[in-house]
Amino acid sequence: MNKGIKTFKAFLRYNIVAIIATTTDFTFFVLLTSLLHVWYVAATFTSAVCGGIISFILNRNWAFMSKDGKLGKQAIKYIIVWNASIFLNTAGLILMVEIASVNEIISKIIVAISVGAGFNFLMYRYFIFK
């Protein structure tokens, strides 16, 4: 199969996984902040962990079909990228909420899309699940 088509298909599957993982992340974020009144920064971290676990499992087994890779090595790389992603999401959220005075849920949407499309896909495709 053409490498470009393979990458495009992986990108489409990645985006489906991203929707599922992001829905998980956002659901936990809204529940934690709106119902339990958890500080938005702590809620961001906690919800990112929940979405991240879903993301790793689905990306490894379906989006990038990388089940033949070493699970431990992929998991370590994923944790490194995931930590960077959590940092970028948290820092972006703080900047949007505290500096730009944008609503925290709107800020989370903007930051999540930016980090997901601009950082996560490339790292998943070319570093973790290559």
N, C-alpha and C. Protein backbone atom coordinates (compact mmCIF):
# COMPACT_ATOMS: atom_id res chain seq x y z
N MET A 1 0.85 -1.18 0.00
CA MET A 1 0.00 0.00 0.00
C MET A 1 0.89 1.24 0.00
N ASN A 2 0.49 2.23 -0.74
CA ASN A 2 1.20 3.50 -0.82
C ASN A 2 1.38 4.09 0.59
N LYS A 3 2.59 4.57 0.90
CA LYS A 3 2.90 5.12 2.23
C LYS A 3 2.00 6.30 2.58
N GLY A 4 1.71 7.14 1.59
CA GLY A 4 0.83 8.29 1.82
C GLY A 4 -0.59 7.87 2.19
N ILE A 5 -1.10 6.85 1.51
CA ILE A 5 -2.44 6.35 1.80
C ILE A 5 -2.47 5.72 3.19
N LYS A 6 -1.42 4.98 3.50
CA LYS A 6 -1.32 4.34 4.83
C LYS A 6 -1.31 5.42 5.93
N THR A 7 -0.55 6.47 5.72
CA THR A 7 -0.50 7.56 6.70
C THR A 7 -1.84 8.26 6.80
N PHE A 8 -2.51 8.47 5.67
CA PHE A 8 -3.82 9.11 5.66
C PHE A 8 -4.84 8.26 6.43
N LYS A 9 -4.84 6.95 6.19
CA LYS A 9 -5.75 6.06 6.92
C LYS A 9 -5.46 6.08 8.41
N ALA A 10 -4.17 6.07 8.77
CA ALA A 10 -3.79 6.15 10.18
C ALA A 10 -4.26 7.47 10.78
N PHE A 11 -4.17 8.55 10.00
CA PHE A 11 -4.62 9.87 10.47
C PHE A 11 -6.13 9.86 10.72
N LEU A 12 -6.89 9.24 9.83
CA LEU A 12 -8.34 9.16 10.02
C LEU A 12 -8.68 8.34 11.26
N ARG A 13 -8.04 7.18 11.41
CA ARG A 13 -8.29 6.35 12.60
C ARG A 13 -7.85 7.08 13.86
N TYR A 14 -6.68 7.76 13.79
CA TYR A 14 -6.20 8.54 14.93
C TYR A 14 -7.24 9.57 15.36
N ASN A 15 -7.87 10.23 14.39
CA ASN A 15 -8.87 11.24 14.72
C ASN A 15 -10.12 10.64 15.36
N ILE A 16 -10.51 9.45 14.94
CA ILE A 16 -11.63 8.77 15.59
C ILE A 16 -11.27 8.44 17.03
N VAL A 17 -10.06 7.92 17.22
CA VAL A 17 -9.58 7.63 18.58
C VAL A 17 -9.50 8.92 19.39
N ALA A 18 -9.02 9.98 18.76
CA ALA A 18 -8.91 11.26 19.45
C ALA A 18 -10.27 11.76 19.91
N ILE A 19 -11.29 11.56 19.10
CA ILE A 19 -12.65 11.96 19.49
C ILE A 19 -13.10 11.16 20.71
N ILE A 20 -12.85 9.86 20.69
CA ILE A 20 -13.24 9.02 21.83
C ILE A 20 -12.46 9.41 23.09
N ALA A 21 -11.14 9.55 22.95
CA ALA A 21 -10.30 9.91 24.11
C ALA A 21 -10.63 11.31 24.61
N THR A 22 -10.87 12.23 23.68
CA THR A 22 -11.20 13.60 24.06
C THR A 22 -12.56 13.67 24.74
N THR A 23 -13.51 12.89 24.26
CA THR A 23 -14.82 12.83 24.91
C THR A 23 -14.68 12.33 26.34
N THR A 24 -13.84 11.32 26.51
CA THR A 24 -13.57 10.82 27.86
C THR A 24 -12.94 11.91 28.72
N ASP A 25 -11.92 12.55 28.17
CA ASP A 25 -11.21 13.63 28.86
C ASP A 25 -12.19 14.76 29.24
N PHE A 26 -12.95 15.24 28.28
CA PHE A 26 -13.86 16.35 28.52
C PHE A 26 -14.96 15.98 29.51
N THR A 27 -15.47 14.76 29.41
CA THR A 27 -16.52 14.32 30.33
C THR A 27 -16.01 14.37 31.76
N PHE A 28 -14.83 13.82 31.98
CA PHE A 28 -14.26 13.86 33.33
C PHE A 28 -13.96 15.29 33.76
N PHE A 29 -13.44 16.12 32.83
CA PHE A 29 -13.14 17.51 33.16
C PHE A 29 -14.39 18.26 33.61
N VAL A 30 -15.46 18.14 32.85
CA VAL A 30 -16.71 18.84 33.19
C VAL A 30 -17.29 18.31 34.50
N LEU A 31 -17.28 17.00 34.67
CA LEU A 31 -17.78 16.42 35.92
C LEU A 31 -16.98 16.91 37.12
N LEU A 32 -15.67 16.90 36.96
CA LEU A 32 -14.81 17.33 38.07
C LEU A 32 -14.96 18.81 38.38
N THR A 33 -14.98 19.65 37.34
CA THR A 33 -15.05 21.10 37.59
C THR A 33 -16.46 21.56 37.94
N SER A 34 -17.46 21.09 37.20
CA SER A 34 -18.83 21.60 37.38
C SER A 34 -19.57 20.94 38.53
N LEU A 35 -19.43 19.65 38.66
CA LEU A 35 -20.19 18.95 39.70
C LEU A 35 -19.44 18.83 41.01
N LEU A 36 -18.15 18.55 40.93
CA LEU A 36 -17.37 18.34 42.14
C LEU A 36 -16.55 19.56 42.55
N HIS A 37 -16.54 20.58 41.71
CA HIS A 37 -15.85 21.86 41.97
C HIS A 37 -14.36 21.68 42.25
N VAL A 38 -13.75 20.77 41.48
CA VAL A 38 -12.31 20.55 41.54
C VAL A 38 -11.63 21.68 40.77
N TRP A 39 -10.51 22.18 41.26
CA TRP A 39 -9.74 23.23 40.60
C TRP A 39 -9.43 22.80 39.18
N TYR A 40 -9.64 23.68 38.21
CA TYR A 40 -9.55 23.32 36.79
C TYR A 40 -8.20 22.75 36.40
N VAL A 41 -7.12 23.16 37.04
CA VAL A 41 -5.80 22.62 36.70
C VAL A 41 -5.70 21.16 37.15
N ALA A 42 -6.15 20.85 38.34
CA ALA A 42 -6.16 19.46 38.82
C ALA A 42 -7.11 18.61 37.99
N ALA A 43 -8.24 19.19 37.63
CA ALA A 43 -9.21 18.47 36.80
C ALA A 43 -8.63 18.19 35.41
N THR A 44 -7.85 19.11 34.86
CA THR A 44 -7.21 18.91 33.56
C THR A 44 -6.26 17.74 33.61
N PHE A 45 -5.45 17.68 34.64
CA PHE A 45 -4.51 16.57 34.77
C PHE A 45 -5.24 15.23 34.92
N THR A 46 -6.20 15.19 35.80
CA THR A 46 -6.94 13.95 36.06
C THR A 46 -7.69 13.47 34.82
N SER A 47 -8.37 14.39 34.16
CA SER A 47 -9.12 14.01 32.97
C SER A 47 -8.19 13.59 31.83
N ALA A 48 -7.01 14.21 31.75
CA ALA A 48 -6.03 13.83 30.73
C ALA A 48 -5.53 12.40 30.95
N VAL A 49 -5.37 12.00 32.19
CA VAL A 49 -4.95 10.63 32.50
C VAL A 49 -6.00 9.64 32.00
N CYS A 50 -7.26 9.94 32.27
CA CYS A 50 -8.35 9.05 31.82
C CYS A 50 -8.39 8.94 30.30
N GLY A 51 -8.33 10.08 29.62
CA GLY A 51 -8.33 10.08 28.16
C GLY A 51 -7.08 9.44 27.59
N GLY A 52 -5.95 9.62 28.26
CA GLY A 52 -4.69 9.08 27.79
C GLY A 52 -4.64 7.56 27.79
N ILE A 53 -5.23 6.96 28.80
CA ILE A 53 -5.26 5.50 28.85
C ILE A 53 -6.07 4.94 27.70
N ILE A 54 -7.23 5.54 27.46
CA ILE A 54 -8.08 5.14 26.32
C ILE A 54 -7.31 5.32 25.01
N SER A 55 -6.65 6.46 24.88
CA SER A 55 -5.91 6.79 23.66
C SER A 55 -4.81 5.76 23.37
N PHE A 56 -4.02 5.42 24.36
CA PHE A 56 -2.92 4.47 24.14
C PHE A 56 -3.46 3.13 23.66
N ILE A 57 -4.45 2.62 24.34
CA ILE A 57 -4.99 1.30 23.99
C ILE A 57 -5.54 1.29 22.56
N LEU A 58 -6.36 2.29 22.22
CA LEU A 58 -6.98 2.32 20.89
C LEU A 58 -5.99 2.67 19.78
N ASN A 59 -5.06 3.58 20.05
CA ASN A 59 -4.07 3.92 19.03
C ASN A 59 -3.16 2.74 18.74
N ARG A 60 -2.72 2.07 19.76
CA ARG A 60 -1.81 0.92 19.57
C ARG A 60 -2.51 -0.21 18.82
N ASN A 61 -3.72 -0.50 19.22
CA ASN A 61 -4.39 -1.69 18.70
C ASN A 61 -5.22 -1.46 17.44
N TRP A 62 -5.55 -0.21 17.14
CA TRP A 62 -6.40 0.02 15.98
C TRP A 62 -5.87 1.13 15.07
N ALA A 63 -5.66 2.32 15.58
CA ALA A 63 -5.30 3.45 14.72
C ALA A 63 -3.99 3.21 13.98
N PHE A 64 -2.96 2.78 14.71
CA PHE A 64 -1.65 2.58 14.09
C PHE A 64 -1.31 1.10 13.94
N MET A 65 -2.22 0.25 14.38
CA MET A 65 -2.07 -1.21 14.26
C MET A 65 -0.64 -1.64 14.57
N SER A 66 -0.20 -1.28 15.75
CA SER A 66 1.19 -1.51 16.13
C SER A 66 1.29 -2.53 17.25
N LYS A 67 0.47 -3.57 17.18
CA LYS A 67 0.47 -4.60 18.22
C LYS A 67 1.74 -5.44 18.20
N ASP A 68 2.44 -5.45 17.07
CA ASP A 68 3.64 -6.26 16.98
C ASP A 68 4.86 -5.57 17.59
N GLY A 69 4.74 -4.27 17.88
CA GLY A 69 5.82 -3.54 18.53
C GLY A 69 5.94 -3.95 19.99
N LYS A 70 7.04 -3.66 20.59
CA LYS A 70 7.27 -3.97 21.99
C LYS A 70 6.39 -3.09 22.86
N LEU A 71 5.49 -3.72 23.60
CA LEU A 71 4.53 -2.99 24.43
C LEU A 71 5.24 -2.08 25.43
N GLY A 72 6.25 -2.61 26.12
CA GLY A 72 6.96 -1.82 27.13
C GLY A 72 7.64 -0.59 26.54
N LYS A 73 8.30 -0.78 25.40
CA LYS A 73 9.00 0.34 24.73
C LYS A 73 7.98 1.39 24.26
N GLN A 74 6.87 0.91 23.67
CA GLN A 74 5.83 1.84 23.23
C GLN A 74 5.23 2.58 24.43
N ALA A 75 5.00 1.87 25.51
CA ALA A 75 4.40 2.49 26.70
C ALA A 75 5.32 3.57 27.27
N ILE A 76 6.62 3.31 27.30
CA ILE A 76 7.56 4.32 27.81
C ILE A 76 7.56 5.55 26.91
N LYS A 77 7.63 5.33 25.59
CA LYS A 77 7.58 6.46 24.66
C LYS A 77 6.27 7.22 24.79
N TYR A 78 5.17 6.47 24.95
CA TYR A 78 3.86 7.09 25.09
C TYR A 78 3.82 7.96 26.35
N ILE A 79 4.35 7.46 27.44
CA ILE A 79 4.35 8.22 28.70
C ILE A 79 5.15 9.50 28.54
N ILE A 80 6.27 9.44 27.83
CA ILE A 80 7.08 10.65 27.59
C ILE A 80 6.28 11.67 26.79
N VAL A 81 5.68 11.22 25.69
CA VAL A 81 4.89 12.12 24.83
C VAL A 81 3.65 12.59 25.58
N TRP A 82 3.03 11.70 26.31
CA TRP A 82 1.82 12.02 27.08
C TRP A 82 2.11 13.10 28.11
N ASN A 83 3.25 12.98 28.80
CA ASN A 83 3.63 14.02 29.77
C ASN A 83 3.83 15.37 29.09
N ALA A 84 4.48 15.35 27.94
CA ALA A 84 4.66 16.60 27.20
C ALA A 84 3.31 17.16 26.77
N SER A 85 2.41 16.28 26.33
CA SER A 85 1.08 16.70 25.92
C SER A 85 0.29 17.28 27.10
N ILE A 86 0.37 16.61 28.25
CA ILE A 86 -0.31 17.12 29.44
C ILE A 86 0.24 18.49 29.80
N PHE A 87 1.58 18.65 29.73
CA PHE A 87 2.18 19.94 30.01
C PHE A 87 1.68 21.01 29.03
N LEU A 88 1.69 20.69 27.73
CA LEU A 88 1.23 21.65 26.73
C LEU A 88 -0.24 22.02 26.94
N ASN A 89 -1.07 21.01 27.22
CA ASN A 89 -2.49 21.27 27.47
C ASN A 89 -2.71 22.11 28.72
N THR A 90 -2.00 21.78 29.78
CA THR A 90 -2.16 22.51 31.04
C THR A 90 -1.64 23.94 30.91
N ALA A 91 -0.46 24.09 30.33
CA ALA A 91 0.11 25.44 30.15
C ALA A 91 -0.77 26.28 29.23
N GLY A 92 -1.24 25.66 28.15
CA GLY A 92 -2.12 26.39 27.23
C GLY A 92 -3.42 26.80 27.90
N LEU A 93 -3.96 25.92 28.73
CA LEU A 93 -5.19 26.23 29.44
C LEU A 93 -4.98 27.37 30.43
N ILE A 94 -3.89 27.33 31.16
CA ILE A 94 -3.59 28.41 32.11
C ILE A 94 -3.44 29.74 31.37
N LEU A 95 -2.71 29.73 30.25
CA LEU A 95 -2.54 30.96 29.48
C LEU A 95 -3.87 31.50 28.97
N MET A 96 -4.70 30.60 28.45
CA MET A 96 -6.00 31.03 27.91
C MET A 96 -6.92 31.56 29.01
N VAL A 97 -6.96 30.87 30.15
CA VAL A 97 -7.88 31.27 31.22
C VAL A 97 -7.34 32.47 31.99
N GLU A 98 -6.09 32.40 32.42
CA GLU A 98 -5.53 33.43 33.29
C GLU A 98 -5.09 34.69 32.54
N ILE A 99 -4.50 34.52 31.38
CA ILE A 99 -3.97 35.67 30.63
C ILE A 99 -5.03 36.24 29.69
N ALA A 100 -5.66 35.36 28.92
CA ALA A 100 -6.61 35.82 27.91
C ALA A 100 -8.05 35.92 28.43
N SER A 101 -8.28 35.43 29.65
CA SER A 101 -9.62 35.48 30.28
C SER A 101 -10.70 34.80 29.45
N VAL A 102 -10.34 33.67 28.84
CA VAL A 102 -11.30 32.89 28.06
C VAL A 102 -11.90 31.83 28.99
N ASN A 103 -13.17 31.54 28.85
CA ASN A 103 -13.85 30.52 29.64
C ASN A 103 -13.04 29.23 29.63
N GLU A 104 -12.99 28.54 30.77
CA GLU A 104 -12.14 27.35 30.89
C GLU A 104 -12.55 26.21 29.95
N ILE A 105 -13.83 26.03 29.71
CA ILE A 105 -14.26 24.95 28.81
C ILE A 105 -13.93 25.30 27.36
N ILE A 106 -14.17 26.54 26.96
CA ILE A 106 -13.80 27.00 25.61
C ILE A 106 -12.28 26.91 25.44
N SER A 107 -11.55 27.32 26.45
CA SER A 107 -10.09 27.24 26.41
C SER A 107 -9.62 25.81 26.25
N LYS A 108 -10.24 24.90 26.97
CA LYS A 108 -9.86 23.48 26.89
C LYS A 108 -10.07 22.95 25.47
N ILE A 109 -11.17 23.34 24.84
CA ILE A 109 -11.44 22.90 23.47
C ILE A 109 -10.36 23.41 22.52
N ILE A 110 -10.06 24.69 22.58
CA ILE A 110 -9.07 25.30 21.69
C ILE A 110 -7.70 24.66 21.88
N VAL A 111 -7.29 24.53 23.13
CA VAL A 111 -5.96 23.99 23.42
C VAL A 111 -5.89 22.51 23.03
N ALA A 112 -6.91 21.75 23.34
CA ALA A 112 -6.91 20.31 23.03
C ALA A 112 -6.80 20.05 21.53
N ILE A 113 -7.52 20.81 20.74
CA ILE A 113 -7.46 20.64 19.28
C ILE A 113 -6.07 21.02 18.77
N SER A 114 -5.54 22.11 19.27
CA SER A 114 -4.22 22.57 18.82
C SER A 114 -3.13 21.56 19.16
N VAL A 115 -3.10 21.08 20.39
CA VAL A 115 -2.08 20.13 20.81
C VAL A 115 -2.28 18.78 20.11
N GLY A 116 -3.53 18.36 19.98
CA GLY A 116 -3.82 17.07 19.35
C GLY A 116 -3.39 17.01 17.90
N ALA A 117 -3.72 18.04 17.15
CA ALA A 117 -3.39 18.05 15.72
C ALA A 117 -1.95 18.46 15.47
N GLY A 118 -1.42 19.35 16.28
CA GLY A 118 -0.10 19.89 16.02
C GLY A 118 1.06 19.16 16.67
N PHE A 119 0.77 18.33 17.66
CA PHE A 119 1.84 17.65 18.39
C PHE A 119 1.59 16.14 18.50
N ASN A 120 0.45 15.77 19.03
CA ASN A 120 0.20 14.36 19.34
C ASN A 120 0.26 13.45 18.12
N PHE A 121 -0.45 13.79 17.03
CA PHE A 121 -0.47 12.89 15.87
C PHE A 121 0.95 12.63 15.37
N LEU A 122 1.72 13.67 15.22
CA LEU A 122 3.08 13.50 14.69
C LEU A 122 3.93 12.63 15.61
N MET A 123 3.81 12.83 16.90
CA MET A 123 4.59 12.04 17.84
C MET A 123 4.12 10.58 17.86
N TYR A 124 2.81 10.37 17.79
CA TYR A 124 2.28 9.01 17.78
C TYR A 124 2.72 8.27 16.53
N ARG A 125 2.58 8.92 15.39
CA ARG A 125 2.83 8.29 14.10
C ARG A 125 4.31 8.01 13.87
N TYR A 126 5.16 8.97 14.20
CA TYR A 126 6.56 8.87 13.82
C TYR A 126 7.52 8.55 14.97
N PHE A 127 7.02 8.53 16.20
CA PHE A 127 7.90 8.24 17.33
C PHE A 127 7.43 7.00 18.10
N ILE A 128 6.18 6.95 18.46
CA ILE A 128 5.70 5.86 19.31
C ILE A 128 5.32 4.61 18.51
N PHE A 129 4.44 4.79 17.52
CA PHE A 129 3.89 3.65 16.80
C PHE A 129 4.41 3.55 15.37
N LYS A 130 5.67 3.93 15.15
CA LYS A 130 6.22 3.94 13.80
C LYS A 130 6.34 2.56 13.20
